[in-house]
Amino acid sequence: MSRWLQAAREAGFSRYASSAGSASSASLDSKYPKPAESAEHAESADLLKHPSPGLRDTALAAPDPDVFEERAGIIEHDSGQPRREAETLAAREQGYDDADSLHGESVRRWAVEIERLAILPAVSPAGAEALKRAQAFIGEGWALQAVRLGWDEAALFGLCPRTPWRLGGQGVAFCGAVQAITQEVVAYVGGRCRHRATVGNDGGAIPIWELAQNNQTDGGNAA
């Protein structure tokens, strides 16, 4: 058995649903209280219902935040453009009107993937609890804020194949109710923090939906 298949089974996903459920804040556990409503919260609620208005072509591949950050930095450095304008140009290279449209579409797609997993009947208790936290992380606007600060999907929603539910192997969206987030740190209600440099330090996190899909498609030959 490959490490991908074993990790997916340990994470509690015996199969992968092909259709997405609808996002519903009512389904979130009350133990994860929502912070005061923010602009990111309101934007996230709208994103769960509609594709990004700045998406030029709905057939586009998913946004690539890593490429976006790299290109924005290059444009800013080489051409002397202000950061905001550099980000707009980098987003347009991927087919989006601006950085907000690109980031918004990333969050919308993450929400779809999390909802696909949340409706599975065979999710383990640990998996179900983690997915509730991830839904809250998206619905309360933290995911949108995080991606704007440069966090990627593996750091937010990743699990390490070898140790999926150990703290060091989990993305920050699975670890509790968030109180604040910066470019390097996520602070949780109760005082605990996760530093960006330590996320995935158990062996390289991959997004939870990819781990679940590998459980369905991996025949034992994955690296």
Protein backbone atom coordinates (compact mmCIF):
# COMPACT_ATOMS: atom_id res chain seq x y z
CA MET A 1 0.00 0.00 0.00
CA SER A 2 1.40 3.43 -0.93
CA ARG A 3 1.83 6.23 1.59
CA TRP A 4 -0.90 8.24 -0.19
CA LEU A 5 -3.47 5.51 0.17
CA GLN A 6 -2.51 4.78 3.76
CA ALA A 7 -2.66 8.45 4.71
CA ALA A 8 -6.06 8.92 3.12
CA ARG A 9 -7.43 5.93 5.00
CA GLU A 10 -5.97 7.21 8.27
CA ALA A 11 -7.58 10.57 7.60
CA GLY A 12 -10.94 8.83 7.39
CA PHE A 13 -11.90 9.19 3.72
CA SER A 14 -13.00 5.90 2.15
CA ARG A 15 -14.34 7.49 -1.01
CA TYR A 16 -14.55 10.88 -2.69
CA ALA A 17 -17.85 12.54 -3.59
CA SER A 18 -18.21 13.94 -7.08
CA SER A 19 -20.78 16.61 -6.34
CA ALA A 20 -20.52 19.61 -4.06
CA GLY A 21 -22.87 20.34 -1.18
CA SER A 22 -24.17 23.85 -0.58
CA ALA A 23 -22.31 26.01 1.92
CA SER A 24 -24.36 26.63 5.04
CA SER A 25 -23.23 28.56 8.09
CA ALA A 26 -26.02 26.85 10.05
CA SER A 27 -24.16 23.57 9.72
CA LEU A 28 -21.09 24.91 11.52
CA ASP A 29 -20.67 23.81 15.10
CA SER A 30 -21.57 26.50 17.59
CA LYS A 31 -18.33 25.84 19.45
CA TYR A 32 -16.57 27.92 16.77
CA PRO A 33 -18.04 31.36 17.38
CA LYS A 34 -17.87 33.87 14.58
CA PRO A 35 -15.93 37.12 15.04
CA ALA A 36 -17.50 40.46 14.31
CA GLU A 37 -18.52 40.53 10.67
CA SER A 38 -15.76 41.90 8.46
CA ALA A 39 -15.44 42.90 4.83
CA GLU A 40 -13.76 39.55 4.16
CA HIS A 41 -16.68 37.74 5.84
CA ALA A 42 -19.22 39.48 3.62
CA GLU A 43 -17.13 38.89 0.49
CA SER A 44 -16.73 35.20 1.35
CA ALA A 45 -20.47 34.75 1.78
CA ASP A 46 -20.99 36.18 -1.70
CA LEU A 47 -18.20 34.09 -3.20
CA LEU A 48 -19.84 30.88 -2.01
CA LYS A 49 -22.87 31.75 -4.12
CA HIS A 50 -21.34 33.21 -7.28
CA PRO A 51 -18.14 32.94 -9.32
CA SER A 52 -15.81 35.89 -8.99
CA PRO A 53 -17.16 38.87 -10.99
CA GLY A 54 -13.62 39.47 -12.24
CA LEU A 55 -13.34 36.01 -13.75
CA ARG A 56 -13.03 36.64 -17.47
CA ASP A 57 -13.48 33.04 -18.59
CA THR A 58 -15.34 30.48 -16.45
CA ALA A 59 -13.44 27.68 -18.22
CA LEU A 60 -10.12 28.93 -16.83
CA ALA A 61 -8.01 26.62 -14.72
CA ALA A 62 -7.88 27.31 -11.01
CA PRO A 63 -5.85 30.39 -10.06
CA ASP A 64 -2.21 29.74 -9.20
CA PRO A 65 -1.39 31.97 -6.20
CA ASP A 66 2.29 30.95 -6.20
CA VAL A 67 2.75 32.04 -9.81
CA PHE A 68 0.73 35.18 -9.08
CA GLU A 69 2.99 36.16 -6.17
CA GLU A 70 6.13 35.46 -8.19
CA ARG A 71 4.96 37.44 -11.22
CA ALA A 72 3.73 40.35 -9.11
CA GLY A 73 7.13 40.56 -7.43
CA ILE A 74 8.96 40.44 -10.75
CA ILE A 75 6.74 43.11 -12.30
CA GLU A 76 7.09 45.34 -9.23
CA HIS A 77 10.88 44.98 -9.21
CA ASP A 78 11.61 45.13 -12.92
CA SER A 79 9.18 47.84 -13.99
CA GLY A 80 8.97 49.91 -10.82
CA GLN A 81 5.19 49.55 -10.73
CA PRO A 82 3.41 50.12 -7.40
CA ARG A 83 2.58 46.81 -5.73
CA ARG A 84 -1.15 47.10 -6.34
CA GLU A 85 -0.66 47.70 -10.06
CA ALA A 86 1.86 44.89 -10.28
CA GLU A 87 -0.67 42.54 -8.70
CA THR A 88 -3.33 43.61 -11.17
CA LEU A 89 -1.05 42.88 -14.10
CA ALA A 90 -0.06 39.51 -12.62
CA ALA A 91 -3.73 38.59 -12.14
CA ARG A 92 -4.53 39.54 -15.73
CA GLU A 93 -1.87 37.13 -16.93
CA GLN A 94 -4.06 34.36 -15.48
CA GLY A 95 -7.25 35.80 -16.96
CA TYR A 96 -8.58 37.79 -13.98
CA ASP A 97 -9.37 41.49 -13.83
CA ASP A 98 -7.41 42.09 -10.63
CA ALA A 99 -5.88 40.45 -7.56
CA ASP A 100 -9.14 40.48 -5.62
CA SER A 101 -10.87 38.53 -8.40
CA LEU A 102 -8.09 35.96 -8.51
CA HIS A 103 -8.04 35.48 -4.74
CA GLY A 104 -11.81 35.36 -4.56
CA GLU A 105 -11.96 32.59 -7.13
CA SER A 106 -9.35 30.61 -5.19
CA VAL A 107 -11.48 30.81 -2.05
CA ARG A 108 -14.65 29.84 -3.92
CA ARG A 109 -12.96 26.73 -5.33
CA TRP A 110 -11.58 25.77 -1.91
CA ALA A 111 -15.08 26.05 -0.48
CA VAL A 112 -16.41 23.68 -3.14
CA GLU A 113 -13.72 21.12 -2.36
CA ILE A 114 -14.34 21.27 1.39
CA GLU A 115 -18.08 20.89 0.87
CA ARG A 116 -17.51 17.83 -1.32
CA LEU A 117 -15.71 16.18 1.56
CA ALA A 118 -18.12 17.38 4.25
CA ILE A 119 -21.06 15.49 2.72
CA LEU A 120 -19.27 12.13 2.67
CA PRO A 121 -21.01 9.56 4.89
CA ALA A 122 -17.80 7.77 5.86
CA VAL A 123 -15.71 10.63 7.23
CA SER A 124 -14.05 9.81 10.55
CA PRO A 125 -14.92 11.87 13.66
CA ALA A 126 -11.55 13.62 13.44
CA GLY A 127 -12.14 14.38 9.77
CA ALA A 128 -15.67 15.69 10.37
CA GLU A 129 -14.46 17.99 13.13
CA ALA A 130 -11.62 19.31 10.97
CA LEU A 131 -13.96 19.96 8.06
CA LYS A 132 -16.31 21.97 10.29
CA ARG A 133 -13.37 24.11 11.29
CA ALA A 134 -12.38 24.54 7.64
CA GLN A 135 -15.93 25.58 6.74
CA ALA A 136 -15.83 28.18 9.50
CA PHE A 137 -12.41 29.37 8.34
CA ILE A 138 -13.80 30.01 4.87
CA GLY A 139 -17.23 31.31 5.85
CA GLU A 140 -15.89 33.82 8.37
CA GLY A 141 -13.55 35.37 5.82
CA TRP A 142 -10.24 34.07 7.17
CA ALA A 143 -9.38 32.17 3.98
CA LEU A 144 -9.82 35.27 1.85
CA GLN A 145 -7.73 37.31 4.27
CA ALA A 146 -5.07 34.59 4.35
CA VAL A 147 -4.69 34.26 0.59
CA ARG A 148 -4.35 38.02 0.29
CA LEU A 149 -1.50 37.76 2.79
CA GLY A 150 0.25 35.12 0.70
CA TRP A 151 -0.79 31.85 2.41
CA ASP A 152 -1.19 28.96 -0.03
CA GLU A 153 -3.74 26.15 -0.08
CA ALA A 154 -1.36 23.56 1.37
CA ALA A 155 -0.59 25.76 4.38
CA LEU A 156 -4.29 26.46 4.90
CA PHE A 157 -5.98 23.16 4.03
CA GLY A 158 -3.12 20.66 3.80
CA LEU A 159 -2.48 17.40 5.61
CA CYS A 160 0.81 15.54 5.74
CA PRO A 161 0.40 12.07 4.20
CA ARG A 162 2.38 10.34 6.94
CA THR A 163 0.75 12.01 9.96
CA PRO A 164 -2.49 13.63 8.77
CA TRP A 165 -3.98 14.54 12.15
CA ARG A 166 -0.89 15.49 14.12
CA LEU A 167 -0.74 19.22 14.82
CA GLY A 168 2.44 19.71 12.81
CA GLY A 169 0.86 17.96 9.85
CA GLN A 170 -2.34 20.02 9.64
CA GLY A 171 -3.10 23.17 7.71
CA VAL A 172 -4.08 26.12 9.85
CA ALA A 173 -7.76 25.94 8.84
CA PHE A 174 -8.20 22.68 10.77
CA CYS A 175 -6.76 23.75 14.11
CA GLY A 176 -9.47 25.77 15.83
CA ALA A 177 -11.41 29.03 15.93
CA VAL A 178 -9.27 31.81 14.48
CA GLN A 179 -8.86 35.15 16.20
CA ALA A 180 -6.34 36.89 13.94
CA ILE A 181 -4.03 36.22 11.02
CA THR A 182 -0.89 37.91 9.69
CA GLN A 183 1.58 37.06 6.92
CA GLU A 184 3.40 34.67 9.26
CA VAL A 185 1.15 33.70 12.18
CA VAL A 186 -2.40 32.51 12.85
CA ALA A 187 -3.72 33.20 16.36
CA TYR A 188 -6.56 31.07 17.71
CA VAL A 189 -9.20 31.76 20.33
CA GLY A 190 -7.66 30.71 23.62
CA GLY A 191 -4.19 32.03 22.87
CA ARG A 192 -2.59 29.27 20.78
CA CYS A 193 -0.69 30.25 17.61
CA ARG A 194 0.60 28.51 14.48
CA HIS A 195 3.60 29.92 12.65
CA ARG A 196 3.65 29.64 8.88
CA ALA A 197 7.15 28.18 8.84
CA THR A 198 6.03 25.19 10.96
CA VAL A 199 2.96 24.22 8.92
CA GLY A 200 3.53 20.87 7.23
CA ASN A 201 6.81 20.26 9.01
CA ASP A 202 5.85 16.60 9.50
CA GLY A 203 6.60 15.80 5.87
CA GLY A 204 5.06 18.14 3.31
CA ALA A 205 1.36 18.88 3.42
CA ILE A 206 -0.93 18.49 0.42
CA PRO A 207 -4.50 19.83 0.17
CA ILE A 208 -6.99 17.57 1.92
CA TRP A 209 -9.09 17.12 -1.23
CA GLU A 210 -6.08 15.80 -3.13
CA LEU A 211 -5.38 13.36 -0.31
CA ALA A 212 -8.98 12.16 -0.44
CA GLN A 213 -8.93 11.83 -4.21
CA ASN A 214 -5.72 9.81 -4.05
CA ASN A 215 -7.60 7.32 -1.88
CA GLN A 216 -9.95 6.72 -4.80
CA THR A 217 -7.44 6.73 -7.66
CA ASP A 218 -4.18 5.46 -6.12
CA GLY A 219 -3.44 1.90 -7.11
CA GLY A 220 -0.32 1.72 -4.99
CA ASN A 221 2.10 3.26 -7.47
CA ALA A 222 2.16 6.84 -6.22
CA ALA A 223 5.45 8.12 -4.94
